[in-house]
PDB file of N, CA and C in Angstrom:
ATOM      1  N   UNK A   1      21.729  -8.844  -2.158  1.00  0.00           N
ATOM      2  CA  UNK A   1      21.167  -7.870  -3.076  1.00  0.00           C
ATOM      3  C   UNK A   1      19.677  -7.694  -2.771  1.00  0.00           C
ATOM      4  N   UNK A   2      19.241  -6.472  -2.641  1.00  0.00           N
ATOM      5  CA  UNK A   2      17.842  -6.167  -2.356  1.00  0.00           C
ATOM      6  C   UNK A   2      17.005  -6.289  -3.620  1.00  0.00           C
ATOM      7  N   UNK A   3      15.870  -6.999  -3.496  1.00  0.00           N
ATOM      8  CA  UNK A   3      14.939  -7.140  -4.614  1.00  0.00           C
ATOM      9  C   UNK A   3      13.582  -6.618  -4.189  1.00  0.00           C
ATOM     10  N   UNK A   4      12.899  -5.955  -5.118  1.00  0.00           N
ATOM     11  CA  UNK A   4      11.541  -5.484  -4.837  1.00  0.00           C
ATOM     12  C   UNK A   4      10.598  -6.070  -5.879  1.00  0.00           C
ATOM     13  N   UNK A   5       9.357  -6.285  -5.441  1.00  0.00           N
ATOM     14  CA  UNK A   5       8.316  -6.785  -6.339  1.00  0.00           C
ATOM     15  C   UNK A   5       7.088  -5.913  -6.143  1.00  0.00           C
ATOM     16  N   UNK A   6       6.668  -5.233  -7.198  1.00  0.00           N
ATOM     17  CA  UNK A   6       5.509  -4.347  -7.140  1.00  0.00           C
ATOM     18  C   UNK A   6       4.252  -5.183  -6.961  1.00  0.00           C
ATOM     19  N   UNK A   7       3.458  -4.861  -5.947  1.00  0.00           N
ATOM     20  CA  UNK A   7       2.211  -5.569  -5.683  1.00  0.00           C
ATOM     21  C   UNK A   7       0.996  -4.789  -6.170  1.00  0.00           C
ATOM     22  N   UNK A   8       1.028  -3.459  -6.022  1.00  0.00           N
ATOM     23  CA  UNK A   8      -0.127  -2.659  -6.429  1.00  0.00           C
ATOM     24  C   UNK A   8       0.264  -1.192  -6.550  1.00  0.00           C
ATOM     25  N   UNK A   9      -0.506  -0.481  -7.359  1.00  0.00           N
ATOM     26  CA  UNK A   9      -0.432   0.981  -7.453  1.00  0.00           C
ATOM     27  C   UNK A   9      -1.857   1.491  -7.372  1.00  0.00           C
ATOM     28  N   UNK A  10      -2.084   2.456  -6.488  1.00  0.00           N
ATOM     29  CA  UNK A  10      -3.407   3.026  -6.283  1.00  0.00           C
ATOM     30  C   UNK A  10      -3.307   4.544  -6.365  1.00  0.00           C
ATOM     31  N   UNK A  11      -4.410   5.173  -6.750  1.00  0.00           N
ATOM     32  CA  UNK A  11      -4.494   6.627  -6.693  1.00  0.00           C
ATOM     33  C   UNK A  11      -5.721   6.972  -5.870  1.00  0.00           C
ATOM     34  N   UNK A  12      -5.534   7.775  -4.833  1.00  0.00           N
ATOM     35  CA  UNK A  12      -6.635   8.199  -3.969  1.00  0.00           C
ATOM     36  C   UNK A  12      -7.485   9.198  -4.746  1.00  0.00           C
ATOM     37  N   UNK A  13      -8.809   8.971  -4.865  1.00  0.00           N
ATOM     38  CA  UNK A  13      -9.631   9.862  -5.684  1.00  0.00           C
ATOM     39  C   UNK A  13      -9.697  11.289  -5.149  1.00  0.00           C
ATOM     40  N   UNK A  14      -9.648  11.473  -3.836  1.00  0.00           N
ATOM     41  CA  UNK A  14      -9.631  12.819  -3.253  1.00  0.00           C
ATOM     42  C   UNK A  14      -8.211  13.095  -2.824  1.00  0.00           C
ATOM     43  N   UNK A  15      -7.605  14.100  -3.392  1.00  0.00           N
ATOM     44  CA  UNK A  15      -6.231  14.433  -3.044  1.00  0.00           C
ATOM     45  C   UNK A  15      -5.217  13.922  -4.034  1.00  0.00           C
ATOM     46  N   UNK A  16      -5.590  12.917  -4.811  1.00  0.00           N
ATOM     47  CA  UNK A  16      -4.742  12.372  -5.877  1.00  0.00           C
ATOM     48  C   UNK A  16      -3.393  11.836  -5.400  1.00  0.00           C
ATOM     49  N   UNK A  17      -3.295  11.419  -4.146  1.00  0.00           N
ATOM     50  CA  UNK A  17      -2.055  10.797  -3.690  1.00  0.00           C
ATOM     51  C   UNK A  17      -1.861   9.478  -4.437  1.00  0.00           C
ATOM     52  N   UNK A  18      -0.618   9.187  -4.751  1.00  0.00           N
ATOM     53  CA  UNK A  18      -0.285   7.935  -5.419  1.00  0.00           C
ATOM     54  C   UNK A  18       0.315   6.992  -4.373  1.00  0.00           C
ATOM     55  N   UNK A  19      -0.197   5.765  -4.313  1.00  0.00           N
ATOM     56  CA  UNK A  19       0.267   4.787  -3.342  1.00  0.00           C
ATOM     57  C   UNK A  19       0.842   3.606  -4.100  1.00  0.00           C
ATOM     58  N   UNK A  20       2.082   3.262  -3.783  1.00  0.00           N
ATOM     59  CA  UNK A  20       2.722   2.078  -4.343  1.00  0.00           C
ATOM     60  C   UNK A  20       2.956   1.093  -3.210  1.00  0.00           C
ATOM     61  N   UNK A  21       2.669  -0.172  -3.470  1.00  0.00           N
ATOM     62  CA  UNK A  21       2.878  -1.216  -2.473  1.00  0.00           C
ATOM     63  C   UNK A  21       3.819  -2.246  -3.081  1.00  0.00           C
ATOM     64  N   UNK A  22       4.926  -2.512  -2.379  1.00  0.00           N
ATOM     65  CA  UNK A  22       5.937  -3.438  -2.873  1.00  0.00           C
ATOM     66  C   UNK A  22       6.364  -4.407  -1.780  1.00  0.00           C
ATOM     67  N   UNK A  23       6.802  -5.584  -2.194  1.00  0.00           N
ATOM     68  CA  UNK A  23       7.454  -6.507  -1.273  1.00  0.00           C
ATOM     69  C   UNK A  23       8.956  -6.266  -1.421  1.00  0.00           C
ATOM     70  N   UNK A  24       9.655  -6.169  -0.297  1.00  0.00           N
ATOM     71  CA  UNK A  24      11.093  -5.929  -0.319  1.00  0.00           C
ATOM     72  C   UNK A  24      11.790  -7.119   0.317  1.00  0.00           C
ATOM     73  N   UNK A  25      12.710  -7.722  -0.437  1.00  0.00           N
ATOM     74  CA  UNK A  25      13.509  -8.835   0.059  1.00  0.00           C
ATOM     75  C   UNK A  25      14.961  -8.375   0.030  1.00  0.00           C
ATOM     76  N   UNK A  26      15.559  -8.305   1.208  1.00  0.00           N
ATOM     77  CA  UNK A  26      16.920  -7.786   1.307  1.00  0.00           C
ATOM     78  C   UNK A  26      17.975  -8.813   0.911  1.00  0.00           C
ATOM     79  N   UNK A  27      17.573 -10.065   0.708  1.00  0.00           N
ATOM     80  CA  UNK A  27      18.479 -11.073   0.193  1.00  0.00           C
ATOM     81  C   UNK A  27      19.593 -11.504   1.128  1.00  0.00           C
ATOM     82  N   UNK A  28      19.535 -11.118   2.372  1.00  0.00           N
ATOM     83  CA  UNK A  28      20.581 -11.488   3.326  1.00  0.00           C
ATOM     84  C   UNK A  28      20.039 -12.407   4.411  1.00  0.00           C
ATOM     85  N   UNK A  29      18.925 -13.064   4.112  1.00  0.00           N
ATOM     86  CA  UNK A  29      18.317 -13.942   5.094  1.00  0.00           C
ATOM     87  C   UNK A  29      17.417 -13.221   6.070  1.00  0.00           C
ATOM     88  N   UNK A  30      17.222 -11.930   5.872  1.00  0.00           N
ATOM     89  CA  UNK A  30      16.360 -11.150   6.755  1.00  0.00           C
ATOM     90  C   UNK A  30      14.894 -11.360   6.434  1.00  0.00           C
ATOM     91  N   UNK A  31      14.051 -10.710   7.190  1.00  0.00           N
ATOM     92  CA  UNK A  31      12.608 -10.812   7.022  1.00  0.00           C
ATOM     93  C   UNK A  31      12.166  -9.929   5.857  1.00  0.00           C
ATOM     94  N   UNK A  32      11.365 -10.461   4.923  1.00  0.00           N
ATOM     95  CA  UNK A  32      10.816  -9.609   3.867  1.00  0.00           C
ATOM     96  C   UNK A  32       9.889  -8.560   4.490  1.00  0.00           C
ATOM     97  N   UNK A  33       9.869  -7.390   3.906  1.00  0.00           N
ATOM     98  CA  UNK A  33       9.028  -6.311   4.406  1.00  0.00           C
ATOM     99  C   UNK A  33       8.080  -5.846   3.314  1.00  0.00           C
ATOM    100  N   UNK A  34       7.013  -5.198   3.742  1.00  0.00           N
ATOM    101  CA  UNK A  34       6.074  -4.572   2.830  1.00  0.00           C
ATOM    102  C   UNK A  34       6.396  -3.083   2.815  1.00  0.00           C
ATOM    103  N   UNK A  35       6.662  -2.554   1.636  1.00  0.00           N
ATOM    104  CA  UNK A  35       6.980  -1.127   1.502  1.00  0.00           C
ATOM    105  C   UNK A  35       5.769  -0.404   0.955  1.00  0.00           C
ATOM    106  N   UNK A  36       5.338   0.606   1.696  1.00  0.00           N
ATOM    107  CA  UNK A  36       4.247   1.480   1.270  1.00  0.00           C
ATOM    108  C   UNK A  36       4.858   2.833   0.957  1.00  0.00           C
ATOM    109  N   UNK A  37       4.714   3.270  -0.272  1.00  0.00           N
ATOM    110  CA  UNK A  37       5.271   4.556  -0.693  1.00  0.00           C
ATOM    111  C   UNK A  37       4.101   5.435  -1.108  1.00  0.00           C
ATOM    112  N   UNK A  38       3.951   6.569  -0.425  1.00  0.00           N
ATOM    113  CA  UNK A  38       2.859   7.493  -0.714  1.00  0.00           C
ATOM    114  C   UNK A  38       3.468   8.772  -1.278  1.00  0.00           C
ATOM    115  N   UNK A  39       3.011   9.151  -2.458  1.00  0.00           N
ATOM    116  CA  UNK A  39       3.505  10.367  -3.093  1.00  0.00           C
ATOM    117  C   UNK A  39       2.412  11.409  -3.064  1.00  0.00           C
ATOM    118  N   UNK A  40       2.755  12.572  -2.524  1.00  0.00           N
ATOM    119  CA  UNK A  40       1.859  13.728  -2.492  1.00  0.00           C
ATOM    120  C   UNK A  40       2.614  14.877  -3.143  1.00  0.00           C
ATOM    121  N   UNK A  41       2.343  15.101  -4.411  1.00  0.00           N
ATOM    122  CA  UNK A  41       3.092  16.122  -5.134  1.00  0.00           C
ATOM    123  C   UNK A  41       4.549  15.697  -5.234  1.00  0.00           C
ATOM    124  N   UNK A  42       5.446  16.491  -4.666  1.00  0.00           N
ATOM    125  CA  UNK A  42       6.880  16.176  -4.691  1.00  0.00           C
ATOM    126  C   UNK A  42       7.346  15.450  -3.435  1.00  0.00           C
ATOM    127  N   UNK A  43       6.461  15.313  -2.482  1.00  0.00           N
ATOM    128  CA  UNK A  43       6.828  14.703  -1.200  1.00  0.00           C
ATOM    129  C   UNK A  43       6.507  13.214  -1.198  1.00  0.00           C
ATOM    130  N   UNK A  44       7.423  12.421  -0.660  1.00  0.00           N
ATOM    131  CA  UNK A  44       7.228  10.982  -0.514  1.00  0.00           C
ATOM    132  C   UNK A  44       7.250  10.612   0.955  1.00  0.00           C
ATOM    133  N   UNK A  45       6.377   9.688   1.347  1.00  0.00           N
ATOM    134  CA  UNK A  45       6.411   9.072   2.673  1.00  0.00           C
ATOM    135  C   UNK A  45       6.553   7.579   2.428  1.00  0.00           C
ATOM    136  N   UNK A  46       7.527   6.958   3.086  1.00  0.00           N
ATOM    137  CA  UNK A  46       7.795   5.541   2.869  1.00  0.00           C
ATOM    138  C   UNK A  46       7.772   4.819   4.207  1.00  0.00           C
ATOM    139  N   UNK A  47       6.997   3.725   4.257  1.00  0.00           N
ATOM    140  CA  UNK A  47       6.947   2.852   5.424  1.00  0.00           C
ATOM    141  C   UNK A  47       7.441   1.478   4.990  1.00  0.00           C
ATOM    142  N   UNK A  48       8.336   0.881   5.737  1.00  0.00           N
ATOM    143  CA  UNK A  48       8.712  -0.517   5.573  1.00  0.00           C
ATOM    144  C   UNK A  48       8.189  -1.241   6.797  1.00  0.00           C
ATOM    145  N   UNK A  49       7.216  -2.151   6.609  1.00  0.00           N
ATOM    146  CA  UNK A  49       6.585  -2.796   7.754  1.00  0.00           C
ATOM    147  C   UNK A  49       6.662  -4.322   7.631  1.00  0.00           C
ATOM    148  N   UNK A  50       6.648  -4.982   8.776  1.00  0.00           N
ATOM    149  CA  UNK A  50       6.700  -6.441   8.836  1.00  0.00           C
ATOM    150  C   UNK A  50       5.302  -7.022   8.620  1.00  0.00           C
ATOM    151  N   UNK A  51       5.240  -8.340   8.458  1.00  0.00           N
ATOM    152  CA  UNK A  51       3.973  -9.013   8.151  1.00  0.00           C
ATOM    153  C   UNK A  51       2.948  -8.850   9.270  1.00  0.00           C
ATOM    154  N   UNK A  52       3.365  -8.918  10.533  1.00  0.00           N
ATOM    155  CA  UNK A  52       2.410  -8.771  11.636  1.00  0.00           C
ATOM    156  C   UNK A  52       1.795  -7.374  11.656  1.00  0.00           C
ATOM    157  N   UNK A  53       2.615  -6.361  11.455  1.00  0.00           N
ATOM    158  CA  UNK A  53       2.106  -4.993  11.419  1.00  0.00           C
ATOM    159  C   UNK A  53       1.185  -4.803  10.218  1.00  0.00           C
ATOM    160  N   UNK A  54       1.551  -5.366   9.062  1.00  0.00           N
ATOM    161  CA  UNK A  54       0.703  -5.266   7.869  1.00  0.00           C
ATOM    162  C   UNK A  54      -0.661  -5.907   8.116  1.00  0.00           C
ATOM    163  N   UNK A  55      -0.673  -7.060   8.784  1.00  0.00           N
ATOM    164  CA  UNK A  55      -1.939  -7.749   9.071  1.00  0.00           C
ATOM    165  C   UNK A  55      -2.819  -6.921   9.998  1.00  0.00           C
ATOM    166  N   UNK A  56      -2.219  -6.328  11.024  1.00  0.00           N
ATOM    167  CA  UNK A  56      -2.990  -5.493  11.952  1.00  0.00           C
ATOM    168  C   UNK A  56      -3.542  -4.262  11.239  1.00  0.00           C
ATOM    169  N   UNK A  57      -2.704  -3.619  10.456  1.00  0.00           N
ATOM    170  CA  UNK A  57      -3.104  -2.425   9.715  1.00  0.00           C
ATOM    171  C   UNK A  57      -4.241  -2.767   8.747  1.00  0.00           C
ATOM    172  N   UNK A  58      -4.097  -3.880   8.027  1.00  0.00           N
ATOM    173  CA  UNK A  58      -5.129  -4.301   7.083  1.00  0.00           C
ATOM    174  C   UNK A  58      -6.455  -4.572   7.791  1.00  0.00           C
ATOM    175  N   UNK A  59      -6.409  -5.183   8.963  1.00  0.00           N
ATOM    176  CA  UNK A  59      -7.633  -5.483   9.705  1.00  0.00           C
ATOM    177  C   UNK A  59      -8.346  -4.208  10.137  1.00  0.00           C
ATOM    178  N   UNK A  60      -7.584  -3.253  10.650  1.00  0.00           N
ATOM    179  CA  UNK A  60      -8.173  -1.974  11.068  1.00  0.00           C
ATOM    180  C   UNK A  60      -8.810  -1.275   9.871  1.00  0.00           C
ATOM    181  N   UNK A  61      -8.120  -1.262   8.730  1.00  0.00           N
ATOM    182  CA  UNK A  61      -8.658  -0.606   7.543  1.00  0.00           C
ATOM    183  C   UNK A  61      -9.908  -1.317   7.035  1.00  0.00           C
ATOM    184  N   UNK A  62      -9.899  -2.644   7.028  1.00  0.00           N
ATOM    185  CA  UNK A  62     -11.070  -3.402   6.573  1.00  0.00           C
ATOM    186  C   UNK A  62     -12.259  -3.184   7.502  1.00  0.00           C
ATOM    187  N   UNK A  63     -12.009  -3.198   8.818  1.00  0.00           N
ATOM    188  CA  UNK A  63     -13.082  -2.967   9.791  1.00  0.00           C
ATOM    189  C   UNK A  63     -13.688  -1.583   9.585  1.00  0.00           C
ATOM    190  N   UNK A  64     -12.854  -0.585   9.452  1.00  0.00           N
ATOM    191  CA  UNK A  64     -13.333   0.784   9.251  1.00  0.00           C
ATOM    192  C   UNK A  64     -14.130   0.892   7.945  1.00  0.00           C
ATOM    193  N   UNK A  65     -13.608   0.305   6.876  1.00  0.00           N
ATOM    194  CA  UNK A  65     -14.254   0.384   5.573  1.00  0.00           C
ATOM    195  C   UNK A  65     -15.662  -0.197   5.605  1.00  0.00           C
ATOM    196  N   UNK A  66     -15.853  -1.292   6.321  1.00  0.00           N
ATOM    197  CA  UNK A  66     -17.171  -1.921   6.394  1.00  0.00           C
ATOM    198  C   UNK A  66     -18.191  -1.051   7.117  1.00  0.00           C
ATOM    199  N   UNK A  67     -17.760  -0.116   7.947  1.00  0.00           N
ATOM    200  CA  UNK A  67     -18.691   0.720   8.709  1.00  0.00           C
ATOM    201  C   UNK A  67     -19.066   2.014   7.983  1.00  0.00           C
ATOM    202  N   UNK A  68     -18.466   2.269   6.843  1.00  0.00           N
ATOM    203  CA  UNK A  68     -18.664   3.543   6.159  1.00  0.00           C
ATOM    204  C   UNK A  68     -19.746   3.460   5.096  1.00  0.00           C
ATOM    205  N   UNK A  69     -20.519   4.540   5.004  1.00  0.00           N
ATOM    206  CA  UNK A  69     -21.468   4.680   3.898  1.00  0.00           C
ATOM    207  C   UNK A  69     -20.648   4.851   2.632  1.00  0.00           C
ATOM    208  N   UNK A  70     -21.187   4.463   1.552  1.00  0.00           N
ATOM    209  CA  UNK A  70     -20.467   4.553   0.274  1.00  0.00           C
ATOM    210  C   UNK A  70     -20.943   5.762  -0.515  1.00  0.00           C
ATOM    211  N   UNK A  71     -20.300   6.940  -0.293  1.00  0.00           N
ATOM    212  CA  UNK A  71     -20.701   8.120  -1.066  1.00  0.00           C
ATOM    213  C   UNK A  71     -20.288   7.959  -2.530  1.00  0.00           C
ATOM    214  N   UNK A  72     -20.958   8.706  -3.374  1.00  0.00           N
ATOM    215  CA  UNK A  72     -20.581   8.688  -4.782  1.00  0.00           C
ATOM    216  C   UNK A  72     -19.205   9.310  -4.901  1.00  0.00           C
ATOM    217  N   UNK A  73     -18.318   8.582  -5.544  1.00  0.00           N
ATOM    218  CA  UNK A  73     -16.943   9.054  -5.697  1.00  0.00           C
ATOM    219  C   UNK A  73     -16.508   8.838  -7.133  1.00  0.00           C
ATOM    220  N   UNK A  74     -15.457   9.538  -7.520  1.00  0.00           N
ATOM    221  CA  UNK A  74     -14.912   9.273  -8.852  1.00  0.00           C
ATOM    222  C   UNK A  74     -14.536   7.803  -8.951  1.00  0.00           C
ATOM    223  N   UNK A  75     -14.607   7.267 -10.149  1.00  0.00           N
ATOM    224  CA  UNK A  75     -14.258   5.858 -10.335  1.00  0.00           C
ATOM    225  C   UNK A  75     -12.837   5.619  -9.849  1.00  0.00           C
ATOM    226  N   UNK A  76     -12.680   4.578  -9.044  1.00  0.00           N
ATOM    227  CA  UNK A  76     -11.359   4.233  -8.525  1.00  0.00           C
ATOM    228  C   UNK A  76     -10.811   3.049  -9.306  1.00  0.00           C
ATOM    229  N   UNK A  77      -9.590   3.179  -9.785  1.00  0.00           N
ATOM    230  CA  UNK A  77      -9.004   2.027 -10.476  1.00  0.00           C
ATOM    231  C   UNK A  77      -8.714   0.934  -9.470  1.00  0.00           C
ATOM    232  N   UNK A  78      -8.897  -0.295  -9.886  1.00  0.00           N
ATOM    233  CA  UNK A  78      -8.588  -1.400  -8.990  1.00  0.00           C
ATOM    234  C   UNK A  78      -7.071  -1.547  -8.905  1.00  0.00           C
ATOM    235  N   UNK A  79      -6.615  -2.155  -7.813  1.00  0.00           N
ATOM    236  CA  UNK A  79      -5.192  -2.391  -7.634  1.00  0.00           C
ATOM    237  C   UNK A  79      -4.717  -3.333  -8.735  1.00  0.00           C
ATOM    238  N   UNK A  80      -3.605  -2.991  -9.330  1.00  0.00           N
ATOM    239  CA  UNK A  80      -3.038  -3.853 -10.349  1.00  0.00           C
ATOM    240  C   UNK A  80      -2.086  -4.816  -9.669  1.00  0.00           C
ATOM    241  N   UNK A  81      -2.439  -6.081  -9.717  1.00  0.00           N
ATOM    242  CA  UNK A  81      -1.591  -7.097  -9.107  1.00  0.00           C
ATOM    243  C   UNK A  81      -0.766  -7.737 -10.197  1.00  0.00           C
ATOM    244  N   UNK A  82       0.528  -7.724  -9.999  1.00  0.00           N
ATOM    245  CA  UNK A  82       1.409  -8.313 -10.991  1.00  0.00           C
ATOM    246  C   UNK A  82       1.974  -9.615 -10.432  1.00  0.00           C
ATOM    247  N   UNK A  83       2.055 -10.631 -11.269  1.00  0.00           N
ATOM    248  CA  UNK A  83       2.595 -11.917 -10.797  1.00  0.00           C
ATOM    249  C   UNK A  83       4.048 -11.828 -10.443  1.00  0.00           C
TER     250      UNK A  83
END
C-alpha cells in the first residue's frame, strides 16, 4: 500500500504557483521517493525523484540562492513541516 507524508507546502510569490512536497513510500520494499507537485492554475506537474537526485537538486538551488541579491518581495510563508 502506498503511503504519502506531506513535508511542505509553498506558494511562489511571483506567479502564485503552489508547490507541495511529499515523501512517498510504496510499501513494497522499494525506495522511498520525494514527490514534488507544482500547481499552476489547473495544470499540475509532478516529479517523483530519488534521494540522490533530491540532494543534487537541493545543492544547485542552495548555491544559486546564495548568489542572488534579495529584492523586496511579498512576504513568503515559511514551509510548514509536519511531523
